[in-house]
Amino acid sequence: MKATKYDDGTITYPGHPVGPDGGEPIEEIDLSEFTAEVVTWTTSTATPLGVRAPNHLAIVEFEVEGQPVRAIGQCTEPVEIGQTVRPVYVDELREPGAGIREPESQEWDGYRFEPV
């Protein structure tokens, strides 16, 4: 779960070739080493093929080098606003055989947020 720091000091997740103010990327920061606070959340009960239902999702905010860095992702269980979570790696965020794309054409792993 890599964020990008730019030469002007800004940090974004996900990273981009150019920072929000035109800065050049200079460093990657692994957000999986940090905890975050839930800003807001929702639960989807009508999920796409291959995605578990219900699917709990949250926007979380990390504090990295004194800056807020937000991310959105699935949660391991229901969460509440203000709750502290940590990213946990999972092999499959959805079922590779479901859907219309060839499973080999995509990456299926990633991170979910787990309450601390």
PDB file of N, CA and C in Angstrom:
ATOM      1  N   MET A   1       0.860  -1.164   0.000  1.00  0.00           N
ATOM      2  CA  MET A   1       0.000   0.000   0.000  1.00  0.00           C
ATOM      3  C   MET A   1       0.908   1.228   0.000  1.00  0.00           C
ATOM      4  N   LYS A   2       1.354   1.591  -1.195  1.00  0.00           N
ATOM      5  CA  LYS A   2       2.389   2.611  -1.341  1.00  0.00           C
ATOM      6  C   LYS A   2       1.818   3.994  -1.646  1.00  0.00           C
ATOM      7  N   ALA A   3       2.174   4.952  -0.786  1.00  0.00           N
ATOM      8  CA  ALA A   3       1.893   6.364  -1.041  1.00  0.00           C
ATOM      9  C   ALA A   3       3.143   6.961  -1.676  1.00  0.00           C
ATOM     10  N   THR A   4       2.991   8.122  -2.282  1.00  0.00           N
ATOM     11  CA  THR A   4       4.121   8.786  -2.922  1.00  0.00           C
ATOM     12  C   THR A   4       4.343  10.154  -2.300  1.00  0.00           C
ATOM     13  N   LYS A   5       5.609  10.431  -1.985  1.00  0.00           N
ATOM     14  CA  LYS A   5       6.000  11.758  -1.510  1.00  0.00           C
ATOM     15  C   LYS A   5       6.656  12.484  -2.677  1.00  0.00           C
ATOM     16  N   TYR A   6       6.338  13.776  -2.816  1.00  0.00           N
ATOM     17  CA  TYR A   6       6.844  14.595  -3.910  1.00  0.00           C
ATOM     18  C   TYR A   6       7.866  15.601  -3.393  1.00  0.00           C
ATOM     19  N   ASP A   7       8.646  16.173  -4.316  1.00  0.00           N
ATOM     20  CA  ASP A   7       9.716  17.084  -3.912  1.00  0.00           C
ATOM     21  C   ASP A   7       9.224  18.355  -3.223  1.00  0.00           C
ATOM     22  N   ASP A   8       7.927  18.654  -3.346  1.00  0.00           N
ATOM     23  CA  ASP A   8       7.383  19.814  -2.631  1.00  0.00           C
ATOM     24  C   ASP A   8       6.844  19.434  -1.248  1.00  0.00           C
ATOM     25  N   GLY A   9       7.014  18.152  -0.855  1.00  0.00           N
ATOM     26  CA  GLY A   9       6.610  17.703   0.473  1.00  0.00           C
ATOM     27  C   GLY A   9       5.233  17.089   0.560  1.00  0.00           C
ATOM     28  N   THR A  10       4.420  17.202  -0.496  1.00  0.00           N
ATOM     29  CA  THR A  10       3.090  16.609  -0.447  1.00  0.00           C
ATOM     30  C   THR A  10       3.173  15.089  -0.558  1.00  0.00           C
ATOM     31  N   ILE A  11       2.159  14.419  -0.022  1.00  0.00           N
ATOM     32  CA  ILE A  11       2.080  12.955  -0.053  1.00  0.00           C
ATOM     33  C   ILE A  11       0.687  12.585  -0.538  1.00  0.00           C
ATOM     34  N   THR A  12       0.616  11.662  -1.509  1.00  0.00           N
ATOM     35  CA  THR A  12      -0.686  11.216  -2.009  1.00  0.00           C
ATOM     36  C   THR A  12      -0.754   9.695  -2.061  1.00  0.00           C
ATOM     37  N   TYR A  13      -1.969   9.209  -1.971  1.00  0.00           N
ATOM     38  CA  TYR A  13      -2.252   7.799  -2.205  1.00  0.00           C
ATOM     39  C   TYR A  13      -3.493   7.745  -3.079  1.00  0.00           C
ATOM     40  N   PRO A  14      -3.434   7.037  -4.198  1.00  0.00           N
ATOM     41  CA  PRO A  14      -2.238   6.421  -4.760  1.00  0.00           C
ATOM     42  C   PRO A  14      -1.303   7.488  -5.318  1.00  0.00           C
ATOM     43  N   GLY A  15      -0.090   7.062  -5.645  1.00  0.00           N
ATOM     44  CA  GLY A  15       0.881   7.978  -6.225  1.00  0.00           C
ATOM     45  C   GLY A  15       0.576   8.259  -7.685  1.00  0.00           C
ATOM     46  N   HIS A  16       1.130   9.350  -8.185  1.00  0.00           N
ATOM     47  CA  HIS A  16       0.966   9.762  -9.576  1.00  0.00           C
ATOM     48  C   HIS A  16       2.310  10.224 -10.120  1.00  0.00           C
ATOM     49  N   PRO A  17       2.474  10.293 -11.437  1.00  0.00           N
ATOM     50  CA  PRO A  17       3.744  10.746 -12.006  1.00  0.00           C
ATOM     51  C   PRO A  17       4.090  12.193 -11.648  1.00  0.00           C
ATOM     52  N   VAL A  18       3.045  13.002 -11.364  1.00  0.00           N
ATOM     53  CA  VAL A  18       3.237  14.402 -10.988  1.00  0.00           C
ATOM     54  C   VAL A  18       2.361  14.670  -9.771  1.00  0.00           C
ATOM     55  N   GLY A  19       2.900  15.373  -8.785  1.00  0.00           N
ATOM     56  CA  GLY A  19       2.152  15.678  -7.567  1.00  0.00           C
ATOM     57  C   GLY A  19       1.069  16.706  -7.794  1.00  0.00           C
ATOM     58  N   PRO A  20       0.218  16.944  -6.782  1.00  0.00           N
ATOM     59  CA  PRO A  20      -0.901  17.883  -6.902  1.00  0.00           C
ATOM     60  C   PRO A  20      -0.472  19.298  -7.289  1.00  0.00           C
ATOM     61  N   ASP A  21       0.719  19.711  -6.846  1.00  0.00           N
ATOM     62  CA  ASP A  21       1.207  21.051  -7.167  1.00  0.00           C
ATOM     63  C   ASP A  21       2.329  21.009  -8.199  1.00  0.00           C
ATOM     64  N   GLY A  22       2.423  19.908  -8.957  1.00  0.00           N
ATOM     65  CA  GLY A  22       3.415  19.789 -10.010  1.00  0.00           C
ATOM     66  C   GLY A  22       4.736  19.186  -9.566  1.00  0.00           C
ATOM     67  N   GLY A  23       4.805  18.710  -8.331  1.00  0.00           N
ATOM     68  CA  GLY A  23       6.044  18.150  -7.804  1.00  0.00           C
ATOM     69  C   GLY A  23       6.406  16.811  -8.416  1.00  0.00           C
ATOM     70  N   GLU A  24       7.702  16.510  -8.400  1.00  0.00           N
ATOM     71  CA  GLU A  24       8.227  15.234  -8.889  1.00  0.00           C
ATOM     72  C   GLU A  24       8.217  14.211  -7.759  1.00  0.00           C
ATOM     73  N   PRO A  25       7.885  12.941  -8.049  1.00  0.00           N
ATOM     74  CA  PRO A  25       7.953  11.909  -7.009  1.00  0.00           C
ATOM     75  C   PRO A  25       9.399  11.697  -6.557  1.00  0.00           C
ATOM     76  N   ILE A  26       9.583  11.585  -5.227  1.00  0.00           N
ATOM     77  CA  ILE A  26      10.939  11.372  -4.722  1.00  0.00           C
ATOM     78  C   ILE A  26      11.044  10.160  -3.795  1.00  0.00           C
ATOM     79  N   GLU A  27       9.895   9.674  -3.291  1.00  0.00           N
ATOM     80  CA  GLU A  27       9.960   8.591  -2.308  1.00  0.00           C
ATOM     81  C   GLU A  27       8.616   7.877  -2.226  1.00  0.00           C
ATOM     82  N   GLU A  28       8.671   6.568  -1.965  1.00  0.00           N
ATOM     83  CA  GLU A  28       7.460   5.802  -1.671  1.00  0.00           C
ATOM     84  C   GLU A  28       7.384   5.580  -0.158  1.00  0.00           C
ATOM     85  N   ILE A  29       6.174   5.662   0.360  1.00  0.00           N
ATOM     86  CA  ILE A  29       5.935   5.441   1.784  1.00  0.00           C
ATOM     87  C   ILE A  29       4.934   4.307   1.906  1.00  0.00           C
ATOM     88  N   ASP A  30       5.282   3.282   2.687  1.00  0.00           N
ATOM     89  CA  ASP A  30       4.428   2.111   2.849  1.00  0.00           C
ATOM     90  C   ASP A  30       3.379   2.393   3.928  1.00  0.00           C
ATOM     91  N   LEU A  31       2.132   2.638   3.502  1.00  0.00           N
ATOM     92  CA  LEU A  31       1.056   2.945   4.444  1.00  0.00           C
ATOM     93  C   LEU A  31       0.668   1.751   5.308  1.00  0.00           C
ATOM     94  N   SER A  32       1.050   0.534   4.905  1.00  0.00           N
ATOM     95  CA  SER A  32       0.691  -0.634   5.711  1.00  0.00           C
ATOM     96  C   SER A  32       1.424  -0.647   7.051  1.00  0.00           C
ATOM     97  N   GLU A  33       2.387   0.244   7.230  1.00  0.00           N
ATOM     98  CA  GLU A  33       3.106   0.354   8.494  1.00  0.00           C
ATOM     99  C   GLU A  33       2.443   1.345   9.449  1.00  0.00           C
ATOM    100  N   PHE A  34       1.346   1.983   9.019  1.00  0.00           N
ATOM    101  CA  PHE A  34       0.662   3.007   9.805  1.00  0.00           C
ATOM    102  C   PHE A  34      -0.747   2.550  10.167  1.00  0.00           C
ATOM    103  N   THR A  35      -1.321   3.201  11.163  1.00  0.00           N
ATOM    104  CA  THR A  35      -2.751   3.060  11.427  1.00  0.00           C
ATOM    105  C   THR A  35      -3.450   4.290  10.869  1.00  0.00           C
ATOM    106  N   ALA A  36      -4.766   4.195  10.736  1.00  0.00           N
ATOM    107  CA  ALA A  36      -5.554   5.294  10.180  1.00  0.00           C
ATOM    108  C   ALA A  36      -6.841   5.439  10.977  1.00  0.00           C
ATOM    109  N   GLU A  37      -7.529   6.540  10.759  1.00  0.00           N
ATOM    110  CA  GLU A  37      -8.822   6.781  11.402  1.00  0.00           C
ATOM    111  C   GLU A  37      -9.914   6.780  10.347  1.00  0.00           C
ATOM    112  N   VAL A  38     -11.027   6.116  10.651  1.00  0.00           N
ATOM    113  CA  VAL A  38     -12.151   6.059   9.718  1.00  0.00           C
ATOM    114  C   VAL A  38     -12.801   7.442   9.644  1.00  0.00           C
ATOM    115  N   VAL A  39     -12.874   7.990   8.427  1.00  0.00           N
ATOM    116  CA  VAL A  39     -13.514   9.283   8.189  1.00  0.00           C
ATOM    117  C   VAL A  39     -14.997   9.076   7.920  1.00  0.00           C
ATOM    118  N   THR A  40     -15.311   8.089   7.090  1.00  0.00           N
ATOM    119  CA  THR A  40     -16.694   7.725   6.790  1.00  0.00           C
ATOM    120  C   THR A  40     -16.699   6.305   6.250  1.00  0.00           C
ATOM    121  N   TRP A  41     -17.867   5.703   6.189  1.00  0.00           N
ATOM    122  CA  TRP A  41     -17.959   4.312   5.743  1.00  0.00           C
ATOM    123  C   TRP A  41     -19.322   4.070   5.119  1.00  0.00           C
ATOM    124  N   THR A  42     -19.432   2.940   4.437  1.00  0.00           N
ATOM    125  CA  THR A  42     -20.706   2.488   3.900  1.00  0.00           C
ATOM    126  C   THR A  42     -20.649   0.980   3.749  1.00  0.00           C
ATOM    127  N   THR A  43     -21.806   0.379   3.567  1.00  0.00           N
ATOM    128  CA  THR A  43     -21.875  -1.051   3.300  1.00  0.00           C
ATOM    129  C   THR A  43     -22.665  -1.250   2.015  1.00  0.00           C
ATOM    130  N   SER A  44     -22.047  -1.934   1.064  1.00  0.00           N
ATOM    131  CA  SER A  44     -22.696  -2.245  -0.198  1.00  0.00           C
ATOM    132  C   SER A  44     -23.279  -3.655  -0.111  1.00  0.00           C
ATOM    133  N   THR A  45     -24.567  -3.774  -0.412  1.00  0.00           N
ATOM    134  CA  THR A  45     -25.207  -5.093  -0.414  1.00  0.00           C
ATOM    135  C   THR A  45     -25.453  -5.597  -1.831  1.00  0.00           C
ATOM    136  N   ALA A  46     -25.332  -4.710  -2.807  1.00  0.00           N
ATOM    137  CA  ALA A  46     -25.475  -5.088  -4.219  1.00  0.00           C
ATOM    138  C   ALA A  46     -24.105  -4.945  -4.858  1.00  0.00           C
ATOM    139  N   THR A  47     -23.289  -5.972  -4.718  1.00  0.00           N
ATOM    140  CA  THR A  47     -21.896  -5.902  -5.153  1.00  0.00           C
ATOM    141  C   THR A  47     -21.715  -6.473  -6.557  1.00  0.00           C
ATOM    142  N   PRO A  48     -20.625  -6.086  -7.230  1.00  0.00           N
ATOM    143  CA  PRO A  48     -20.325  -6.666  -8.542  1.00  0.00           C
ATOM    144  C   PRO A  48     -20.016  -8.156  -8.421  1.00  0.00           C
ATOM    145  N   LEU A  49     -20.042  -8.859  -9.544  1.00  0.00           N
ATOM    146  CA  LEU A  49     -19.708 -10.282  -9.551  1.00  0.00           C
ATOM    147  C   LEU A  49     -18.356 -10.520  -8.896  1.00  0.00           C
ATOM    148  N   GLY A  50     -18.301 -11.487  -8.016  1.00  0.00           N
ATOM    149  CA  GLY A  50     -17.044 -11.861  -7.391  1.00  0.00           C
ATOM    150  C   GLY A  50     -16.665 -11.082  -6.160  1.00  0.00           C
ATOM    151  N   VAL A  51     -17.441 -10.052  -5.815  1.00  0.00           N
ATOM    152  CA  VAL A  51     -17.163  -9.260  -4.613  1.00  0.00           C
ATOM    153  C   VAL A  51     -18.118  -9.713  -3.522  1.00  0.00           C
ATOM    154  N   ARG A  52     -17.569  -9.956  -2.344  1.00  0.00           N
ATOM    155  CA  ARG A  52     -18.387 -10.463  -1.239  1.00  0.00           C
ATOM    156  C   ARG A  52     -19.497  -9.475  -0.885  1.00  0.00           C
ATOM    157  N   ALA A  53     -20.584 -10.011  -0.408  1.00  0.00           N
ATOM    158  CA  ALA A  53     -21.707  -9.187   0.041  1.00  0.00           C
ATOM    159  C   ALA A  53     -22.104  -9.658   1.432  1.00  0.00           C
ATOM    160  N   PRO A  54     -22.312  -8.767   2.359  1.00  0.00           N
ATOM    161  CA  PRO A  54     -22.135  -7.323   2.201  1.00  0.00           C
ATOM    162  C   PRO A  54     -20.663  -6.953   2.140  1.00  0.00           C
ATOM    163  N   ASN A  55     -20.378  -5.849   1.470  1.00  0.00           N
ATOM    164  CA  ASN A  55     -19.006  -5.371   1.317  1.00  0.00           C
ATOM    165  C   ASN A  55     -18.884  -4.054   2.083  1.00  0.00           C
ATOM    166  N   HIS A  56     -18.144  -4.086   3.171  1.00  0.00           N
ATOM    167  CA  HIS A  56     -17.948  -2.903   4.005  1.00  0.00           C
ATOM    168  C   HIS A  56     -16.785  -2.094   3.450  1.00  0.00           C
ATOM    169  N   LEU A  57     -16.999  -0.797   3.238  1.00  0.00           N
ATOM    170  CA  LEU A  57     -16.002   0.096   2.657  1.00  0.00           C
ATOM    171  C   LEU A  57     -15.812   1.303   3.559  1.00  0.00           C
ATOM    172  N   ALA A  58     -14.597   1.856   3.568  1.00  0.00           N
ATOM    173  CA  ALA A  58     -14.341   3.046   4.378  1.00  0.00           C
ATOM    174  C   ALA A  58     -13.355   3.966   3.685  1.00  0.00           C
ATOM    175  N   ILE A  59     -13.523   5.252   3.940  1.00  0.00           N
ATOM    176  CA  ILE A  59     -12.491   6.234   3.641  1.00  0.00           C
ATOM    177  C   ILE A  59     -11.769   6.453   4.958  1.00  0.00           C
ATOM    178  N   VAL A  60     -10.449   6.278   4.928  1.00  0.00           N
ATOM    179  CA  VAL A  60      -9.654   6.408   6.142  1.00  0.00           C
ATOM    180  C   VAL A  60      -8.605   7.491   5.935  1.00  0.00           C
ATOM    181  N   GLU A  61      -8.108   8.024   7.055  1.00  0.00           N
ATOM    182  CA  GLU A  61      -7.082   9.054   6.984  1.00  0.00           C
ATOM    183  C   GLU A  61      -5.879   8.651   7.813  1.00  0.00           C
ATOM    184  N   PHE A  62      -4.735   8.571   7.137  1.00  0.00           N
ATOM    185  CA  PHE A  62      -3.459   8.302   7.786  1.00  0.00           C
ATOM    186  C   PHE A  62      -2.809   9.637   8.136  1.00  0.00           C
ATOM    187  N   GLU A  63      -2.021   9.663   9.183  1.00  0.00           N
ATOM    188  CA  GLU A  63      -1.187  10.815   9.512  1.00  0.00           C
ATOM    189  C   GLU A  63       0.249  10.410   9.174  1.00  0.00           C
ATOM    190  N   VAL A  64       0.798  11.010   8.119  1.00  0.00           N
ATOM    191  CA  VAL A  64       2.135  10.649   7.637  1.00  0.00           C
ATOM    192  C   VAL A  64       2.984  11.921   7.572  1.00  0.00           C
ATOM    193  N   GLU A  65       4.030  11.944   8.356  1.00  0.00           N
ATOM    194  CA  GLU A  65       4.926  13.104   8.395  1.00  0.00           C
ATOM    195  C   GLU A  65       4.147  14.394   8.600  1.00  0.00           C
ATOM    196  N   GLY A  66       3.153  14.344   9.479  1.00  0.00           N
ATOM    197  CA  GLY A  66       2.358  15.523   9.804  1.00  0.00           C
ATOM    198  C   GLY A  66       1.306  15.888   8.780  1.00  0.00           C
ATOM    199  N   GLN A  67       1.114  15.051   7.766  1.00  0.00           N
ATOM    200  CA  GLN A  67       0.129  15.337   6.717  1.00  0.00           C
ATOM    201  C   GLN A  67      -0.980  14.292   6.705  1.00  0.00           C
ATOM    202  N   PRO A  68      -2.210  14.715   6.432  1.00  0.00           N
ATOM    203  CA  PRO A  68      -3.280  13.737   6.254  1.00  0.00           C
ATOM    204  C   PRO A  68      -3.186  13.097   4.866  1.00  0.00           C
ATOM    205  N   VAL A  69      -3.292  11.770   4.824  1.00  0.00           N
ATOM    206  CA  VAL A  69      -3.287  11.025   3.560  1.00  0.00           C
ATOM    207  C   VAL A  69      -4.501  10.107   3.595  1.00  0.00           C
ATOM    208  N   ARG A  70      -5.424  10.309   2.668  1.00  0.00           N
ATOM    209  CA  ARG A  70      -6.665   9.520   2.652  1.00  0.00           C
ATOM    210  C   ARG A  70      -6.606   8.383   1.650  1.00  0.00           C
ATOM    211  N   ALA A  71      -7.330   7.309   2.014  1.00  0.00           N
ATOM    212  CA  ALA A  71      -7.445   6.142   1.145  1.00  0.00           C
ATOM    213  C   ALA A  71      -8.848   5.573   1.299  1.00  0.00           C
ATOM    214  N   ILE A  72      -9.297   4.863   0.285  1.00  0.00           N
ATOM    215  CA  ILE A  72     -10.580   4.176   0.345  1.00  0.00           C
ATOM    216  C   ILE A  72     -10.323   2.691   0.129  1.00  0.00           C
ATOM    217  N   GLY A  73     -11.085   1.856   0.825  1.00  0.00           N
ATOM    218  CA  GLY A  73     -10.911   0.429   0.637  1.00  0.00           C
ATOM    219  C   GLY A  73     -11.923  -0.394   1.400  1.00  0.00           C
ATOM    220  N   GLN A  74     -11.857  -1.694   1.173  1.00  0.00           N
ATOM    221  CA  GLN A  74     -12.724  -2.640   1.865  1.00  0.00           C
ATOM    222  C   GLN A  74     -12.285  -2.762   3.322  1.00  0.00           C
ATOM    223  N   CYS A  75     -13.218  -3.175   4.165  1.00  0.00           N
ATOM    224  CA  CYS A  75     -12.933  -3.422   5.576  1.00  0.00           C
ATOM    225  C   CYS A  75     -13.162  -4.900   5.877  1.00  0.00           C
ATOM    226  N   THR A  76     -12.454  -5.407   6.873  1.00  0.00           N
ATOM    227  CA  THR A  76     -12.611  -6.803   7.252  1.00  0.00           C
ATOM    228  C   THR A  76     -13.929  -7.046   7.971  1.00  0.00           C
ATOM    229  N   GLU A  77     -14.501  -5.984   8.538  1.00  0.00           N
ATOM    230  CA  GLU A  77     -15.771  -6.062   9.273  1.00  0.00           C
ATOM    231  C   GLU A  77     -16.356  -4.654   9.333  1.00  0.00           C
ATOM    232  N   PRO A  78     -17.592  -4.505   9.803  1.00  0.00           N
ATOM    233  CA  PRO A  78     -18.156  -3.156   9.911  1.00  0.00           C
ATOM    234  C   PRO A  78     -17.299  -2.268  10.819  1.00  0.00           C
ATOM    235  N   VAL A  79     -17.223  -0.984  10.491  1.00  0.00           N
ATOM    236  CA  VAL A  79     -16.439  -0.024  11.259  1.00  0.00           C
ATOM    237  C   VAL A  79     -17.315   1.178  11.609  1.00  0.00           C
ATOM    238  N   GLU A  80     -16.768   2.067  12.438  1.00  0.00           N
ATOM    239  CA  GLU A  80     -17.478   3.285  12.831  1.00  0.00           C
ATOM    240  C   GLU A  80     -16.593   4.495  12.583  1.00  0.00           C
ATOM    241  N   ILE A  81     -17.207   5.647  12.383  1.00  0.00           N
ATOM    242  CA  ILE A  81     -16.458   6.890  12.215  1.00  0.00           C
ATOM    243  C   ILE A  81     -15.601   7.113  13.455  1.00  0.00           C
ATOM    244  N   GLY A  82     -14.347   7.479  13.240  1.00  0.00           N
ATOM    245  CA  GLY A  82     -13.419   7.733  14.330  1.00  0.00           C
ATOM    246  C   GLY A  82     -12.653   6.514  14.798  1.00  0.00           C
ATOM    247  N   GLN A  83     -13.035   5.340  14.336  1.00  0.00           N
ATOM    248  CA  GLN A  83     -12.374   4.109  14.750  1.00  0.00           C
ATOM    249  C   GLN A  83     -10.974   4.025  14.120  1.00  0.00           C
ATOM    250  N   THR A  84     -10.033   3.453  14.875  1.00  0.00           N
ATOM    251  CA  THR A  84      -8.682   3.246  14.359  1.00  0.00           C
ATOM    252  C   THR A  84      -8.614   1.898  13.652  1.00  0.00           C
ATOM    253  N   VAL A  85      -8.021   1.918  12.446  1.00  0.00           N
ATOM    254  CA  VAL A  85      -7.881   0.701  11.638  1.00  0.00           C
ATOM    255  C   VAL A  85      -6.446   0.600  11.144  1.00  0.00           C
ATOM    256  N   ARG A  86      -6.087  -0.601  10.689  1.00  0.00           N
ATOM    257  CA  ARG A  86      -4.789  -0.813  10.071  1.00  0.00           C
ATOM    258  C   ARG A  86      -4.993  -1.585   8.784  1.00  0.00           C
ATOM    259  N   PRO A  87      -4.143  -1.357   7.788  1.00  0.00           N
ATOM    260  CA  PRO A  87      -4.241  -2.126   6.550  1.00  0.00           C
ATOM    261  C   PRO A  87      -3.721  -3.544   6.766  1.00  0.00           C
ATOM    262  N   VAL A  88      -4.452  -4.523   6.242  1.00  0.00           N
ATOM    263  CA  VAL A  88      -4.003  -5.914   6.282  1.00  0.00           C
ATOM    264  C   VAL A  88      -4.037  -6.458   4.856  1.00  0.00           C
ATOM    265  N   TYR A  89      -2.979  -7.161   4.483  1.00  0.00           N
ATOM    266  CA  TYR A  89      -2.850  -7.694   3.135  1.00  0.00           C
ATOM    267  C   TYR A  89      -3.746  -8.917   2.956  1.00  0.00           C
ATOM    268  N   VAL A  90      -4.411  -9.003   1.795  1.00  0.00           N
ATOM    269  CA  VAL A  90      -5.198 -10.184   1.434  1.00  0.00           C
ATOM    270  C   VAL A  90      -4.833 -10.602   0.004  1.00  0.00           C
ATOM    271  N   ASP A  91      -4.851 -11.914  -0.236  1.00  0.00           N
ATOM    272  CA  ASP A  91      -4.496 -12.442  -1.555  1.00  0.00           C
ATOM    273  C   ASP A  91      -5.533 -12.109  -2.626  1.00  0.00           C
ATOM    274  N   GLU A  92      -6.817 -12.099  -2.223  1.00  0.00           N
ATOM    275  CA  GLU A  92      -7.879 -11.856  -3.202  1.00  0.00           C
ATOM    276  C   GLU A  92      -8.918 -10.902  -2.626  1.00  0.00           C
ATOM    277  N   LEU A  93      -9.055  -9.723  -3.249  1.00  0.00           N
ATOM    278  CA  LEU A  93     -10.098  -8.780  -2.861  1.00  0.00           C
ATOM    279  C   LEU A  93     -11.433  -9.146  -3.517  1.00  0.00           C
ATOM    280  N   ARG A  94     -11.364  -9.950  -4.564  1.00  0.00           N
ATOM    281  CA  ARG A  94     -12.560 -10.461  -5.227  1.00  0.00           C
ATOM    282  C   ARG A  94     -12.212 -11.778  -5.896  1.00  0.00           C
ATOM    283  N   GLU A  95     -13.226 -12.515  -6.300  1.00  0.00           N
ATOM    284  CA  GLU A  95     -13.051 -13.827  -6.922  1.00  0.00           C
ATOM    285  C   GLU A  95     -12.527 -13.660  -8.353  1.00  0.00           C
ATOM    286  N   PRO A  96     -11.306 -14.150  -8.650  1.00  0.00           N
ATOM    287  CA  PRO A  96     -10.725 -13.970  -9.984  1.00  0.00           C
ATOM    288  C   PRO A  96     -11.553 -14.580 -11.117  1.00  0.00           C
ATOM    289  N   GLY A  97     -12.274 -15.674 -10.880  1.00  0.00           N
ATOM    290  CA  GLY A  97     -13.032 -16.330 -11.935  1.00  0.00           C
ATOM    291  C   GLY A  97     -14.346 -15.654 -12.277  1.00  0.00           C
ATOM    292  N   ALA A  98     -14.788 -14.723 -11.449  1.00  0.00           N
ATOM    293  CA  ALA A  98     -16.060 -14.037 -11.696  1.00  0.00           C
ATOM    294  C   ALA A  98     -15.808 -12.787 -12.541  1.00  0.00           C
ATOM    295  N   GLY A  99     -16.786 -12.393 -13.285  1.00  0.00           N
ATOM    296  CA  GLY A  99     -16.660 -11.185 -14.095  1.00  0.00           C
ATOM    297  C   GLY A  99     -16.323 -11.510 -15.532  1.00  0.00           C
ATOM    298  N   ILE A 100     -16.119 -10.460 -16.320  1.00  0.00           N
ATOM    299  CA  ILE A 100     -15.925 -10.635 -17.754  1.00  0.00           C
ATOM    300  C   ILE A 100     -14.467 -10.591 -18.192  1.00  0.00           C
ATOM    301  N   ARG A 101     -13.560 -10.145 -17.336  1.00  0.00           N
ATOM    302  CA  ARG A 101     -12.149 -10.063 -17.708  1.00  0.00           C
ATOM    303  C   ARG A 101     -11.428 -11.371 -17.436  1.00  0.00           C
ATOM    304  N   GLU A 102     -10.378 -11.617 -18.207  1.00  0.00           N
ATOM    305  CA  GLU A 102      -9.533 -12.779 -17.979  1.00  0.00           C
ATOM    306  C   GLU A 102      -8.818 -12.601 -16.643  1.00  0.00           C
ATOM    307  N   PRO A 103      -8.854 -13.608 -15.765  1.00  0.00           N
ATOM    308  CA  PRO A 103      -8.207 -13.479 -14.462  1.00  0.00           C
ATOM    309  C   PRO A 103      -6.729 -13.071 -14.541  1.00  0.00           C
ATOM    310  N   GLU A 104      -6.022 -13.528 -15.569  1.00  0.00           N
ATOM    311  CA  GLU A 104      -4.602 -13.216 -15.700  1.00  0.00           C
ATOM    312  C   GLU A 104      -4.347 -11.755 -16.063  1.00  0.00           C
ATOM    313  N   SER A 105      -5.384 -11.044 -16.491  1.00  0.00           N
ATOM    314  CA  SER A 105      -5.201  -9.668 -16.933  1.00  0.00           C
ATOM    315  C   SER A 105      -5.240  -8.664 -15.787  1.00  0.00           C
ATOM    316  N   GLN A 106      -5.482  -9.115 -14.560  1.00  0.00           N
ATOM    317  CA  GLN A 106      -5.616  -8.202 -13.438  1.00  0.00           C
ATOM    318  C   GLN A 106      -4.866  -8.715 -12.218  1.00  0.00           C
ATOM    319  N   GLU A 107      -4.632  -7.796 -11.284  1.00  0.00           N
ATOM    320  CA  GLU A 107      -4.097  -8.186  -9.983  1.00  0.00           C
ATOM    321  C   GLU A 107      -5.278  -8.284  -9.021  1.00  0.00           C
ATOM    322  N   TRP A 108      -5.273  -9.279  -8.160  1.00  0.00           N
ATOM    323  CA  TRP A 108      -6.423  -9.537  -7.298  1.00  0.00           C
ATOM    324  C   TRP A 108      -6.128  -9.283  -5.827  1.00  0.00           C
ATOM    325  N   ASP A 109      -4.853  -9.084  -5.503  1.00  0.00           N
ATOM    326  CA  ASP A 109      -4.498  -8.872  -4.114  1.00  0.00           C
ATOM    327  C   ASP A 109      -4.597  -7.397  -3.746  1.00  0.00           C
ATOM    328  N   GLY A 110      -4.462  -7.131  -2.459  1.00  0.00           N
ATOM    329  CA  GLY A 110      -4.531  -5.746  -1.996  1.00  0.00           C
ATOM    330  C   GLY A 110      -4.672  -5.697  -0.486  1.00  0.00           C
ATOM    331  N   TYR A 111      -5.244  -4.623  -0.010  1.00  0.00           N
ATOM    332  CA  TYR A 111      -5.384  -4.404   1.429  1.00  0.00           C
ATOM    333  C   TYR A 111      -6.834  -4.135   1.807  1.00  0.00           C
ATOM    334  N   ARG A 112      -7.188  -4.629   2.979  1.00  0.00           N
ATOM    335  CA  ARG A 112      -8.453  -4.286   3.636  1.00  0.00           C
ATOM    336  C   ARG A 112      -8.096  -3.601   4.940  1.00  0.00           C
ATOM    337  N   PHE A 113      -9.027  -2.824   5.474  1.00  0.00           N
ATOM    338  CA  PHE A 113      -8.816  -2.157   6.741  1.00  0.00           C
ATOM    339  C   PHE A 113      -9.439  -2.970   7.854  1.00  0.00           C
ATOM    340  N   GLU A 114      -8.653  -3.211   8.903  1.00  0.00           N
ATOM    341  CA  GLU A 114      -9.074  -4.017  10.038  1.00  0.00           C
ATOM    342  C   GLU A 114      -9.042  -3.152  11.302  1.00  0.00           C
ATOM    343  N   PRO A 115     -10.119  -3.203  12.108  1.00  0.00           N
ATOM    344  CA  PRO A 115     -10.103  -2.430  13.361  1.00  0.00           C
ATOM    345  C   PRO A 115      -8.935  -2.859  14.249  1.00  0.00           C
ATOM    346  N   VAL A 116      -8.332  -1.889  14.901  1.00  0.00           N
ATOM    347  CA  VAL A 116      -7.210  -2.164  15.807  1.00  0.00           C
ATOM    348  C   VAL A 116      -7.754  -2.499  17.182  1.00  0.00           C
TER     349      VAL A 116
END
